[in-house]
Each structure stands twice: as structure tokens, then as C-alpha cells.
Amino acid sequence: MTSTQTPPAAVRDDTPPSARTGLSTRHILFVIVAAAAPLSAMVGTVPLAFASGNGAGVPAAFTVAGLILLCFSTGYTVSTRRTGGNGGFYASVADGLGRAPAVGVGYVALIAYNCATIGIAGALGYFTHLVLAAHGINVSWALCAAVGIALTAVLGYRDIGVSARLLALLMACEIGVLLVLDIAVLGRHGTHALPAASFSASEVTGPGLGVSLMFAFVSFIGFESAALYGNEARNPRRSVPRAMLGAVVLITGFYALTSWLAVGAIGSGTVRTAASEQMGNLFFNLGDDYLGSAGGTCLQVMLCTSMFAALLALHSATNRYTQVIAADGLLPRDLGALHTRHHSPHRASVVQSVVNALAVTLALVAGLDPYADFAAVTLGLGTLGIVVLQALAALSVLGLRRKGVAHGTWRGLVAPLLAVVGLGASVWLIVYNFDLVTGSRSAFVGDLPWLFPVVFAGGLVYARRTGRGLASNTFDR
């Protein structure tokens, strides 16, 4: 790319410095932690890991997954500093692997994040319906989902700073209620609430370790979206890497500690049986036991707000992928426009809200179970796609060495190599256990993972035939 050419959208900042939303590291951290939805992971994923995975060894599985993702983040920050934190995986793969693979990754990201967002919208409707019904209010799941989508549409259209402040509040409440539960468990059991068995070799390496690792990786989805907010950050080359690394450390510590205390509260020898019997009610029952009925109700309400926070965060991430690849000519260019006052990808936001609404409507008309047939399947597919993207992004950091980009042995070679191995294993685990992730044994659902290699291959062919996409030398300085 010559100096007279217009920079691609993934690195171009069309926002005047005086008009930047000025997201700080803290703001970006709240947005991406919200996408991971810690409370939703505790309520929905941890009981599955206890029951189907290695039982009391689940806290160790979260720790291992966190260390692998810390390696990924360490390497990925090499890319985000070069790209300015713009364009996410699309820009990272272009930088390390070239234009054609980046186009394939752009389309995979578009499908994966849309699926994850649609799945969260369905889950929000389903769980809100259940919580309201438990308190004598009968409202359709589809109406609950529609309200969440409408609120998200309004916030997604506006300045990201508005969403960041709301997410900060919701995340403080969500994490706060779980911390209160953690403290209550510690207060009742003391050091016995942290059983050594959870990190013993026999428990950690016992049957089901692979399944627990799979659910652990699933629970982290969303933290990598920090690399989409470069144009809206005050100092993107510093804020984006810091937010991503901070998110991994925070989420790992939180997941490992809370699941460990849950093992202590239930008992390391009985946690697998209790989780199998109670499943999604496991943490609600713990809330009733340790915090009283008011505490259990608070957990239920916070689950709904956690789902909404995740919906808003994933909606924002999806919009920014749509905007970037549209501005580079891979989608209709009108979708790449930024709002003149809010500086948000407003057209992409509107389209994504319509897609969410249509998906919920189709699920309702088809009579699908809102969770088992709709939310779980779309969330599972989106999760798989995002883990694939993480693995490719780690590989792209290794690809930078071909360009003579040196960032030290640890950051430029060892950390991304460990991430490629760990994330590659995670992709295999999710595909192999796709029925567990989605809760469906349908042959059609089992074949859905093939969608991503087909889309990626289509992107490669399209890029080579048209010459469109982000040039591999864009970030060379």
C-alpha cells in the first residue's frame, strides 16, 4: 500500500480526535467481561462441567484454560499493537497470514458472532420467562427476547460510551452478588470451603477432563473482542492489550475461585451427583442456602441482567465486524458508515437487530424449544466459530515472523505456539462433543460445524478472484 492510498477500514480512524468516545482501559474491560457473562457461565456452564466433566477438578480446568488464553492474549497483543486494536481477528490474520485468509476469517467472524448474539437473545428470553413465571408473571419468552433486542438496538445505535457505562453497572452487580455468595460460603466453612482435592492429580486428570476444559473455554467467549474498539479508545495501542490481559486474569480468577467454593459448599465427593440432579438450579439452590430466599431471587434477577449485558456486548462486537468488512468492500459499503454524531456503526447495528428479531420470530413460528432447539444450538455454533478464530489469530502471530517482525521469544513465538496447540485442542473437543455443547443429538446439528470451513474456503476464493480485503502489508511501518 502506498502513502497516497486510502487506508483500509480496519486501520483507518475516521473519527476526529476531538470526537472520540474516549474509552479507557476500564471501559473496554467492562464491555468484554460482560460478553463473557460470568454469572451466566456459573449458572449454565459450571453445573454441566461438574456433571459431565471431571467433577471436583473443574476449578483446575478453568485455571488451565485461563493460562492457555493468557498465552493467546500475550501473543495477540503483538497484533493489536500493530493494528491499533482495529478490526479484531480480521486485521490480525491479514497482518500475519495475508489478505485472502483474512477475508475468510472476516466472513467466519460475521457468522460466529451473529450466531452467538442470536443465541444469547434466545437465552435471555427463555430465562427471563422462567424467572418471571417463578414469581407468578406469565410472559412469552419471545416477548422477553423482543424487549431485550429492542433495548439493545437503541443502545447499539448510540455512542459506545453509553453502553460501556451501563455494562459497568451491570457487571458490578453481577460480580458483586457472586462475591457475596463466595464470602458466605467461606464464612460458614472457613478453609474447608477450598478443598485441596480440586487440584489433586487424581481429580484433575480423572475422567471427563477434556469435557471440563471444553466448557471452560466456552465460558471465556467474548473477552477477545477488546480488539474491536481501537477507534473508540483514548490510547488503543495501550488500552486494548491491557483490557484483554486484565479480562483474562479477572475471569480466570473469578471462575476458578467461585467454582472451587461451590465444590467446597457441596462436597468434593458429591458435587458430580448434585450437579447431575440440580443442573441449572445448582447455584440458585446455593443462593437460597447461603443467602436466604432473597439471595436466591437476587441471583435469578442478576442472571437475566447478565444475559442482557452479554447480548449488548456481543451486539456491539458483531456490529464492528460488520462495519469493518463492509467498509473494505466485503459487504454492501453502506453498512460501513459511522453515525455523524454518535460515531457508532449505526447501520450495522440496525441490520443486526433486525437479524436477531427475525431469528426469534422464525423460532417462535417453527415451534422450537427456545433453549434446547434455538439458543443452545446457535450459541454452540457461535462459540465454536470464535474458538476457531482465536486459534487462527494465534497462528497469525507466528506468521509475523515470516515478515521479520521480532517481538521476543516469549511473546512472538512460545506464547502464541502454546495458544495454537491449546486452542486447536479446544476446537477438537468442541466438535467431538458438539452434542454436549448444544444439547442436541440431531444429525443436522451435528453437521453444522462444517459451515465454518466452507465459509472460510469461500472467502479465500472470493478474495483471490476479486482482490478485495485488507492487504497483508497494511501494518508494515
Protein backbone atom coordinates (compact mmCIF):
# COMPACT_ATOMS: atom_id res chain seq x y z
CA MET A 1 0.00 0.00 0.00
CA THR A 2 1.45 3.36 -0.98
CA SER A 3 1.21 6.51 1.08
CA THR A 4 -1.29 8.05 -1.32
CA GLN A 5 -3.87 5.28 -0.93
CA THR A 6 -6.79 5.45 1.49
CA PRO A 7 -6.09 3.13 4.41
CA PRO A 8 -8.41 0.11 4.76
CA ALA A 9 -11.22 0.39 7.27
CA ALA A 10 -9.54 -1.92 9.75
CA VAL A 11 -6.79 0.62 10.30
CA ARG A 12 -8.47 3.83 9.27
CA ASP A 13 -9.74 6.13 12.02
CA ASP A 14 -12.41 8.37 10.51
CA THR A 15 -13.31 9.79 13.90
CA PRO A 16 -11.80 13.21 14.64
CA PRO A 17 -9.67 13.15 17.83
CA SER A 18 -11.98 15.68 19.45
CA ALA A 19 -14.98 13.46 18.77
CA ARG A 20 -13.59 10.16 20.04
CA THR A 21 -15.72 8.47 22.66
CA GLY A 22 -12.52 8.09 24.68
CA LEU A 23 -12.96 4.57 26.05
CA SER A 24 -10.42 3.89 28.77
CA THR A 25 -8.91 0.50 29.65
CA ARG A 26 -11.54 0.19 32.38
CA HIS A 27 -14.44 0.83 29.96
CA ILE A 28 -13.17 -1.72 27.44
CA LEU A 29 -12.62 -4.22 30.25
CA PHE A 30 -16.25 -3.96 31.38
CA VAL A 31 -17.53 -4.37 27.81
CA ILE A 32 -15.55 -7.54 27.14
CA VAL A 33 -16.11 -9.13 30.56
CA ALA A 34 -19.84 -8.53 30.02
CA ALA A 35 -19.61 -10.52 26.78
CA ALA A 36 -18.22 -13.48 28.75
CA ALA A 37 -21.25 -13.20 31.12
CA PRO A 38 -19.65 -14.59 34.33
CA LEU A 39 -22.92 -15.23 36.17
CA SER A 40 -24.45 -16.96 33.15
CA ALA A 41 -21.35 -19.17 32.92
CA MET A 42 -21.60 -20.08 36.60
CA VAL A 43 -25.30 -20.92 36.40
CA GLY A 44 -25.39 -22.55 32.98
CA THR A 45 -21.96 -24.00 32.28
CA VAL A 46 -20.31 -24.95 35.57
CA PRO A 47 -23.04 -27.49 36.61
CA LEU A 48 -22.64 -29.17 33.20
CA ALA A 49 -18.88 -29.33 33.73
CA PHE A 50 -19.37 -30.79 37.23
CA ALA A 51 -21.81 -33.41 35.94
CA SER A 52 -20.23 -34.38 32.61
CA GLY A 53 -16.61 -33.42 33.22
CA ASN A 54 -14.10 -34.17 35.94
CA GLY A 55 -16.35 -33.19 38.86
CA ALA A 56 -14.40 -31.60 41.69
CA GLY A 57 -11.49 -30.95 39.30
CA VAL A 58 -13.42 -28.29 37.36
CA PRO A 59 -11.65 -25.34 39.12
CA ALA A 60 -8.32 -26.69 37.85
CA ALA A 61 -9.78 -26.94 34.33
CA PHE A 62 -10.72 -23.26 34.49
CA THR A 63 -7.18 -22.45 35.61
CA VAL A 64 -5.61 -24.42 32.75
CA ALA A 65 -7.95 -22.80 30.19
CA GLY A 66 -7.14 -19.39 31.63
CA LEU A 67 -3.39 -19.99 31.32
CA ILE A 68 -3.78 -21.06 27.68
CA LEU A 69 -5.86 -17.97 26.95
CA LEU A 70 -3.31 -15.83 28.76
CA CYS A 71 -0.72 -17.20 26.31
CA PHE A 72 -3.13 -16.37 23.48
CA SER A 73 -3.62 -12.83 24.78
CA THR A 74 0.11 -12.29 25.24
CA GLY A 75 0.70 -13.16 21.60
CA TYR A 76 -2.43 -11.42 20.34
CA THR A 77 -1.33 -8.14 21.91
CA VAL A 78 1.54 -8.18 19.41
CA SER A 79 -1.07 -7.92 16.65
CA THR A 80 -3.32 -5.44 18.43
CA ARG A 81 -0.40 -3.05 18.99
CA ARG A 82 0.46 -3.23 15.28
CA THR A 83 -3.15 -2.83 14.11
CA GLY A 84 -4.09 -0.23 16.69
CA GLY A 85 -6.76 -2.55 18.03
CA ASN A 86 -8.96 -2.15 14.95
CA GLY A 87 -10.62 -4.94 13.00
CA GLY A 88 -10.17 -7.74 15.55
CA PHE A 89 -9.34 -11.14 14.08
CA TYR A 90 -9.83 -9.84 10.53
CA ALA A 91 -6.97 -7.35 10.85
CA SER A 92 -4.77 -9.72 12.86
CA VAL A 93 -4.97 -12.51 10.28
CA ALA A 94 -4.37 -10.05 7.43
CA ASP A 95 -1.24 -8.86 9.21
CA GLY A 96 0.19 -12.31 9.88
CA LEU A 97 -1.24 -14.63 7.21
CA GLY A 98 -2.26 -12.37 4.33
CA ARG A 99 -5.25 -10.84 2.60
CA ALA A 100 -7.08 -13.95 1.33
CA PRO A 101 -7.12 -15.79 4.70
CA ALA A 102 -8.25 -12.54 6.32
CA VAL A 103 -11.30 -12.38 4.05
CA GLY A 104 -12.21 -15.94 5.00
CA VAL A 105 -11.77 -15.05 8.67
CA GLY A 106 -13.89 -11.92 8.25
CA TYR A 107 -16.84 -13.93 6.98
CA VAL A 108 -16.38 -16.64 9.64
CA ALA A 109 -16.32 -13.92 12.32
CA LEU A 110 -19.51 -12.42 10.93
CA ILE A 111 -21.36 -15.75 11.16
CA ALA A 112 -19.86 -16.78 14.52
CA TYR A 113 -20.63 -13.52 16.32
CA ASN A 114 -24.11 -13.30 14.80
CA CYS A 115 -24.85 -16.86 15.96
CA ALA A 116 -23.57 -16.09 19.45
CA THR A 117 -25.66 -12.92 19.63
CA ILE A 118 -28.79 -14.66 18.39
CA GLY A 119 -28.24 -17.46 20.90
CA ILE A 120 -27.88 -15.01 23.78
CA ALA A 121 -31.09 -13.25 22.67
CA GLY A 122 -32.92 -16.58 22.82
CA ALA A 123 -31.39 -17.48 26.19
CA LEU A 124 -32.32 -14.06 27.57
CA GLY A 125 -35.94 -14.60 26.54
CA TYR A 126 -36.02 -18.14 27.92
CA PHE A 127 -34.50 -17.42 31.34
CA THR A 128 -36.39 -14.16 31.81
CA HIS A 129 -39.62 -16.04 31.07
CA LEU A 130 -38.71 -18.69 33.69
CA VAL A 131 -37.76 -16.15 36.36
CA LEU A 132 -40.95 -14.14 35.83
CA ALA A 133 -43.05 -17.33 35.85
CA ALA A 134 -41.47 -18.34 39.17
CA HIS A 135 -42.87 -15.13 40.63
CA GLY A 136 -46.35 -15.52 39.13
CA ILE A 137 -45.86 -13.39 35.99
CA ASN A 138 -46.59 -15.24 32.76
CA VAL A 139 -44.89 -13.59 29.77
CA SER A 140 -43.92 -15.27 26.49
CA TRP A 141 -40.21 -16.00 26.06
CA ALA A 142 -40.36 -14.36 22.63
CA LEU A 143 -41.72 -11.12 24.12
CA CYS A 144 -38.94 -11.13 26.74
CA ALA A 145 -36.38 -11.62 23.98
CA ALA A 146 -38.01 -8.86 21.90
CA VAL A 147 -37.72 -6.37 24.76
CA GLY A 148 -34.04 -7.23 25.17
CA ILE A 149 -33.42 -6.88 21.43
CA ALA A 150 -35.22 -3.52 21.33
CA LEU A 151 -33.19 -2.11 24.24
CA THR A 152 -30.01 -3.39 22.64
CA ALA A 153 -30.97 -1.80 19.33
CA VAL A 154 -31.38 1.61 20.96
CA LEU A 155 -28.09 1.37 22.86
CA GLY A 156 -26.19 -0.15 19.92
CA TYR A 157 -27.22 2.78 17.71
CA ARG A 158 -25.67 5.28 20.11
CA ASP A 159 -22.19 6.16 21.31
CA ILE A 160 -20.42 3.07 22.74
CA GLY A 161 -19.66 5.12 25.86
CA VAL A 162 -23.34 4.89 26.88
CA SER A 163 -23.27 1.10 26.64
CA ALA A 164 -19.93 0.94 28.46
CA ARG A 165 -21.31 2.85 31.45
CA LEU A 166 -24.41 0.65 31.63
CA LEU A 167 -22.32 -2.50 31.33
CA ALA A 168 -20.06 -1.28 34.13
CA LEU A 169 -23.09 -1.02 36.41
CA LEU A 170 -24.50 -4.40 35.41
CA MET A 171 -21.12 -6.11 35.77
CA ALA A 172 -20.60 -4.61 39.23
CA CYS A 173 -23.97 -6.03 40.33
CA GLU A 174 -23.42 -9.39 38.65
CA ILE A 175 -19.96 -9.99 40.09
CA GLY A 176 -20.97 -8.46 43.40
CA VAL A 177 -23.77 -10.95 44.08
CA LEU A 178 -21.49 -13.90 43.34
CA LEU A 179 -18.77 -12.45 45.57
CA VAL A 180 -21.31 -12.18 48.38
CA LEU A 181 -22.15 -15.86 47.85
CA ASP A 182 -18.43 -16.71 47.86
CA ILE A 183 -17.93 -14.83 51.13
CA ALA A 184 -20.95 -16.57 52.68
CA VAL A 185 -19.53 -20.00 51.79
CA LEU A 186 -16.14 -19.04 53.22
CA GLY A 187 -17.78 -17.67 56.34
CA ARG A 188 -19.62 -20.91 57.03
CA HIS A 189 -16.89 -23.43 56.15
CA GLY A 190 -13.65 -21.49 56.55
CA THR A 191 -10.66 -23.08 54.81
CA HIS A 192 -12.68 -26.27 54.26
CA ALA A 193 -14.54 -24.32 51.57
CA LEU A 194 -11.42 -24.62 49.41
CA PRO A 195 -10.81 -28.40 49.26
CA ALA A 196 -7.35 -29.49 48.16
CA ALA A 197 -9.00 -32.33 46.22
CA SER A 198 -9.96 -29.93 43.42
CA PHE A 199 -6.30 -29.56 42.48
CA SER A 200 -5.15 -33.08 43.27
CA ALA A 201 -3.72 -35.09 40.38
CA SER A 202 -6.38 -37.80 40.71
CA GLU A 203 -9.28 -35.33 40.40
CA VAL A 204 -7.74 -33.06 37.77
CA THR A 205 -6.71 -35.87 35.41
CA GLY A 206 -9.76 -38.02 36.11
CA PRO A 207 -12.40 -39.00 33.53
CA GLY A 208 -14.03 -36.00 31.87
CA LEU A 209 -11.06 -33.59 31.93
CA GLY A 210 -11.47 -32.88 28.21
CA VAL A 211 -15.16 -32.07 28.67
CA SER A 212 -14.39 -29.72 31.57
CA LEU A 213 -11.73 -27.94 29.53
CA MET A 214 -14.20 -27.58 26.68
CA PHE A 215 -16.80 -25.96 28.94
CA ALA A 216 -14.09 -23.78 30.47
CA PHE A 217 -13.09 -22.41 27.05
CA VAL A 218 -16.76 -21.88 26.21
CA SER A 219 -17.13 -19.76 29.35
CA PHE A 220 -14.43 -17.31 28.25
CA ILE A 221 -16.00 -16.44 24.89
CA GLY A 222 -16.20 -12.67 24.32
CA PHE A 223 -13.03 -11.47 26.08
CA GLU A 224 -11.13 -11.31 22.76
CA SER A 225 -13.49 -8.62 21.41
CA ALA A 226 -11.31 -5.93 23.02
CA ALA A 227 -9.51 -5.71 19.68
CA LEU A 228 -12.61 -4.18 18.04
CA TYR A 229 -12.65 -0.91 19.95
CA GLY A 230 -9.42 0.69 18.80
CA ASN A 231 -11.10 3.60 17.02
CA GLU A 232 -13.10 4.37 20.15
CA ALA A 233 -10.29 4.13 22.69
CA ARG A 234 -8.23 7.03 24.01
CA ASN A 235 -4.97 5.18 23.56
CA PRO A 236 -5.74 1.99 21.61
CA ARG A 237 -2.21 0.60 21.47
CA ARG A 238 -2.12 0.60 25.26
CA SER A 239 -5.78 0.32 26.33
CA VAL A 240 -6.75 -2.64 24.13
CA PRO A 241 -3.90 -5.01 25.17
CA ARG A 242 -4.24 -4.04 28.83
CA ALA A 243 -8.00 -4.63 28.80
CA MET A 244 -7.60 -8.03 27.16
CA LEU A 245 -4.91 -9.25 29.54
CA GLY A 246 -6.83 -7.84 32.51
CA ALA A 247 -10.00 -9.60 31.38
CA VAL A 248 -8.29 -13.00 31.16
CA VAL A 249 -6.77 -12.66 34.63
CA LEU A 250 -10.03 -11.40 36.15
CA ILE A 251 -12.25 -14.03 34.52
CA THR A 252 -9.85 -16.89 35.28
CA GLY A 253 -9.54 -15.95 38.93
CA PHE A 254 -13.27 -15.42 39.29
CA TYR A 255 -14.30 -18.67 37.58
CA ALA A 256 -11.70 -20.80 39.37
CA LEU A 257 -12.46 -19.35 42.81
CA THR A 258 -16.26 -19.45 42.55
CA SER A 259 -16.34 -22.99 41.14
CA TRP A 260 -13.83 -24.07 43.83
CA LEU A 261 -16.03 -22.64 46.58
CA ALA A 262 -19.05 -24.37 45.03
CA VAL A 263 -17.17 -27.67 45.34
CA GLY A 264 -16.43 -26.83 48.97
CA ALA A 265 -20.05 -25.94 49.69
CA ILE A 266 -21.44 -29.12 48.13
CA GLY A 267 -18.60 -31.53 48.90
CA SER A 268 -15.92 -32.84 46.56
CA GLY A 269 -17.30 -36.37 46.78
CA THR A 270 -20.90 -35.42 45.98
CA VAL A 271 -20.58 -32.46 43.61
CA ARG A 272 -20.95 -34.58 40.47
CA THR A 273 -24.17 -36.20 41.71
CA ALA A 274 -25.62 -32.92 42.98
CA ALA A 275 -24.90 -31.18 39.69
CA SER A 276 -26.46 -34.04 37.69
CA GLU A 277 -29.64 -33.78 39.75
CA GLN A 278 -29.92 -29.99 40.01
CA MET A 279 -28.19 -28.74 36.82
CA GLY A 280 -29.28 -25.12 36.20
CA ASN A 281 -30.74 -24.81 39.70
CA LEU A 282 -27.44 -25.65 41.40
CA PHE A 283 -26.33 -22.06 42.06
CA PHE A 284 -29.87 -20.88 42.78
CA ASN A 285 -30.10 -23.57 45.47
CA LEU A 286 -26.73 -22.47 46.86
CA GLY A 287 -28.06 -18.91 46.92
CA ASP A 288 -31.14 -19.99 48.89
CA ASP A 289 -28.99 -21.99 51.30
CA TYR A 290 -26.26 -19.41 51.98
CA LEU A 291 -28.04 -16.11 51.32
CA GLY A 292 -31.67 -16.93 52.07
CA SER A 293 -34.61 -16.79 49.66
CA ALA A 294 -33.85 -13.13 48.91
CA GLY A 295 -30.36 -14.13 47.83
CA GLY A 296 -31.72 -16.83 45.53
CA THR A 297 -34.13 -14.35 43.97
CA CYS A 298 -31.30 -11.85 43.52
CA LEU A 299 -29.28 -14.48 41.66
CA GLN A 300 -32.25 -15.13 39.36
CA VAL A 301 -32.66 -11.44 38.56
CA MET A 302 -28.93 -10.98 38.07
CA LEU A 303 -28.92 -13.93 35.65
CA CYS A 304 -31.35 -12.01 33.44
CA THR A 305 -29.29 -8.81 33.61
CA SER A 306 -26.16 -10.87 32.90
CA MET A 307 -27.79 -12.23 29.75
CA PHE A 308 -28.77 -8.72 28.70
CA ALA A 309 -25.24 -7.43 29.32
CA ALA A 310 -23.83 -10.27 27.21
CA LEU A 311 -26.36 -9.51 24.45
CA LEU A 312 -25.39 -5.85 24.38
CA ALA A 313 -21.65 -6.60 24.42
CA LEU A 314 -21.85 -9.24 21.67
CA HIS A 315 -24.17 -6.99 19.63
CA SER A 316 -21.51 -4.27 19.81
CA ALA A 317 -18.76 -6.68 18.75
CA THR A 318 -20.83 -8.05 15.84
CA ASN A 319 -21.60 -4.55 14.59
CA ARG A 320 -17.95 -3.63 14.47
CA TYR A 321 -17.05 -6.70 12.42
CA THR A 322 -19.88 -5.88 10.03
CA GLN A 323 -18.79 -2.24 9.76
CA VAL A 324 -15.12 -3.04 9.13
CA ILE A 325 -15.56 -5.68 6.46
CA ALA A 326 -18.35 -3.66 4.79
CA ALA A 327 -16.09 -0.59 4.62
CA ASP A 328 -13.48 -2.80 2.92
CA GLY A 329 -15.99 -3.84 0.26
CA LEU A 330 -16.73 -7.35 1.51
CA LEU A 331 -20.36 -6.42 2.27
CA PRO A 332 -22.53 -3.56 0.92
CA ARG A 333 -20.50 -0.43 1.70
CA ASP A 334 -23.49 1.39 3.22
CA LEU A 335 -23.13 -0.92 6.24
CA GLY A 336 -19.68 0.54 6.84
CA ALA A 337 -20.98 4.03 7.62
CA LEU A 338 -20.43 5.65 11.02
CA HIS A 339 -23.03 7.91 12.61
CA THR A 340 -22.10 11.57 12.23
CA ARG A 341 -22.84 12.38 15.88
CA HIS A 342 -22.54 9.11 17.80
CA HIS A 343 -19.64 7.78 15.68
CA SER A 344 -21.21 4.33 16.03
CA PRO A 345 -21.71 1.67 13.30
CA HIS A 346 -25.42 2.58 13.35
CA ARG A 347 -26.45 0.91 10.09
CA ALA A 348 -24.71 -2.32 11.02
CA SER A 349 -26.47 -2.12 14.40
CA VAL A 350 -29.88 -1.76 12.80
CA VAL A 351 -29.29 -4.70 10.46
CA GLN A 352 -28.05 -6.88 13.31
CA SER A 353 -31.09 -6.01 15.43
CA VAL A 354 -33.37 -6.98 12.53
CA VAL A 355 -31.50 -10.28 12.14
CA ASN A 356 -31.97 -11.02 15.86
CA ALA A 357 -35.68 -10.21 15.67
CA LEU A 358 -36.17 -12.35 12.56
CA ALA A 359 -34.35 -15.30 14.16
CA VAL A 360 -36.54 -15.15 17.28
CA THR A 361 -39.68 -14.83 15.12
CA LEU A 362 -38.72 -17.84 13.00
CA ALA A 363 -38.01 -19.91 16.12
CA LEU A 364 -41.41 -18.95 17.55
CA VAL A 365 -43.30 -19.71 14.32
CA ALA A 366 -41.48 -23.03 13.91
CA GLY A 367 -42.41 -24.00 17.47
CA LEU A 368 -38.79 -24.59 18.51
CA ASP A 369 -37.92 -25.01 22.15
CA PRO A 370 -36.40 -21.61 22.93
CA TYR A 371 -33.43 -23.08 24.76
CA ALA A 372 -32.79 -26.67 23.62
CA ASP A 373 -33.58 -26.17 19.92
CA PHE A 374 -32.70 -22.49 19.45
CA ALA A 375 -30.43 -20.78 21.98
CA ALA A 376 -28.16 -23.74 22.78
CA VAL A 377 -27.58 -24.63 19.13
CA THR A 378 -26.83 -21.09 17.92
CA LEU A 379 -24.67 -20.36 20.97
CA GLY A 380 -22.77 -23.61 20.48
CA LEU A 381 -22.13 -22.85 16.82
CA GLY A 382 -21.06 -19.29 17.59
CA THR A 383 -18.74 -20.48 20.35
CA LEU A 384 -17.04 -22.98 18.06
CA GLY A 385 -16.52 -20.30 15.42
CA ILE A 386 -14.96 -17.89 17.90
CA VAL A 387 -12.54 -20.52 19.25
CA VAL A 388 -11.53 -21.32 15.65
CA LEU A 389 -10.90 -17.60 15.12
CA GLN A 390 -8.79 -17.43 18.28
CA ALA A 391 -6.64 -20.31 17.03
CA LEU A 392 -6.16 -18.63 13.64
CA ALA A 393 -5.30 -15.33 15.32
CA ALA A 394 -2.62 -17.10 17.42
CA LEU A 395 -1.29 -18.69 14.23
CA SER A 396 -1.15 -15.25 12.58
CA VAL A 397 1.20 -14.02 15.32
CA LEU A 398 3.57 -16.84 14.37
CA GLY A 399 3.14 -15.74 10.75
CA LEU A 400 4.59 -12.33 11.59
CA ARG A 401 7.99 -13.97 11.94
CA ARG A 402 7.98 -14.52 8.18
CA LYS A 403 7.86 -10.74 7.80
CA GLY A 404 10.84 -10.28 10.06
CA VAL A 405 8.71 -8.84 12.88
CA ALA A 406 10.54 -9.63 16.13
CA HIS A 407 8.73 -9.36 19.46
CA GLY A 408 10.89 -11.55 21.65
CA THR A 409 10.94 -15.32 22.05
CA TRP A 410 8.10 -15.43 24.60
CA ARG A 411 5.58 -13.01 23.07
CA GLY A 412 6.40 -13.70 19.44
CA LEU A 413 6.95 -17.46 19.49
CA VAL A 414 6.41 -19.50 22.66
CA ALA A 415 3.15 -17.92 23.91
CA PRO A 416 1.33 -17.99 20.53
CA LEU A 417 2.63 -21.52 19.85
CA LEU A 418 1.22 -22.76 23.16
CA ALA A 419 -2.04 -20.96 22.33
CA VAL A 420 -2.26 -22.62 18.90
CA VAL A 421 -1.84 -26.05 20.49
CA GLY A 422 -4.28 -25.36 23.34
CA LEU A 423 -6.93 -23.70 21.19
CA GLY A 424 -6.54 -26.34 18.47
CA ALA A 425 -7.25 -28.99 21.10
CA SER A 426 -10.24 -26.95 22.27
CA VAL A 427 -11.65 -26.84 18.71
CA TRP A 428 -11.35 -30.62 18.51
CA LEU A 429 -13.01 -31.07 21.93
CA ILE A 430 -15.94 -28.83 20.98
CA VAL A 431 -16.50 -30.55 17.62
CA TYR A 432 -16.16 -34.02 19.19
CA ASN A 433 -18.58 -33.09 21.99
CA PHE A 434 -20.85 -30.84 19.94
CA ASP A 435 -23.91 -32.72 21.16
CA LEU A 436 -22.96 -31.85 24.76
CA VAL A 437 -22.39 -28.18 23.89
CA THR A 438 -25.69 -27.83 22.05
CA GLY A 439 -27.74 -30.40 23.96
CA SER A 440 -28.86 -31.87 20.63
CA ARG A 441 -28.19 -35.27 19.06
CA SER A 442 -29.72 -34.22 15.73
CA ALA A 443 -27.64 -35.27 12.71
CA PHE A 444 -28.30 -31.85 11.14
CA VAL A 445 -26.98 -30.03 14.22
CA GLY A 446 -24.00 -32.38 14.32
CA ASP A 447 -23.05 -31.33 10.79
CA LEU A 448 -23.25 -27.57 11.49
CA PRO A 449 -19.52 -27.23 12.34
CA TRP A 450 -18.79 -27.87 8.65
CA LEU A 451 -20.26 -24.44 7.97
CA PHE A 452 -17.05 -22.71 9.07
CA PRO A 453 -14.53 -24.44 6.77
CA VAL A 454 -16.96 -23.99 3.87
CA VAL A 455 -17.36 -20.25 4.60
CA PHE A 456 -13.62 -19.81 5.10
CA ALA A 457 -12.88 -21.55 1.79
CA GLY A 458 -15.50 -19.39 0.06
CA GLY A 459 -13.82 -16.28 1.46
CA LEU A 460 -10.44 -17.43 0.13
CA VAL A 461 -11.84 -17.97 -3.35
CA TYR A 462 -13.69 -14.63 -3.32
CA ALA A 463 -10.59 -12.74 -2.17
CA ARG A 464 -8.39 -14.27 -4.87
CA ARG A 465 -10.91 -13.62 -7.63
CA THR A 466 -11.77 -10.04 -6.67
CA GLY A 467 -8.60 -8.81 -4.97
CA ARG A 468 -10.70 -7.35 -2.16
CA GLY A 469 -9.82 -7.34 1.51
CA LEU A 470 -7.17 -5.99 3.82
CA ALA A 471 -3.68 -6.04 2.31
CA SER A 472 -1.07 -8.07 4.21
CA ASN A 473 1.42 -5.18 4.18
CA THR A 474 -1.04 -2.64 5.62
CA PHE A 475 0.56 -2.63 9.04
CA ASP A 476 4.21 -2.51 7.99
CA ARG A 477 5.73 0.72 9.14
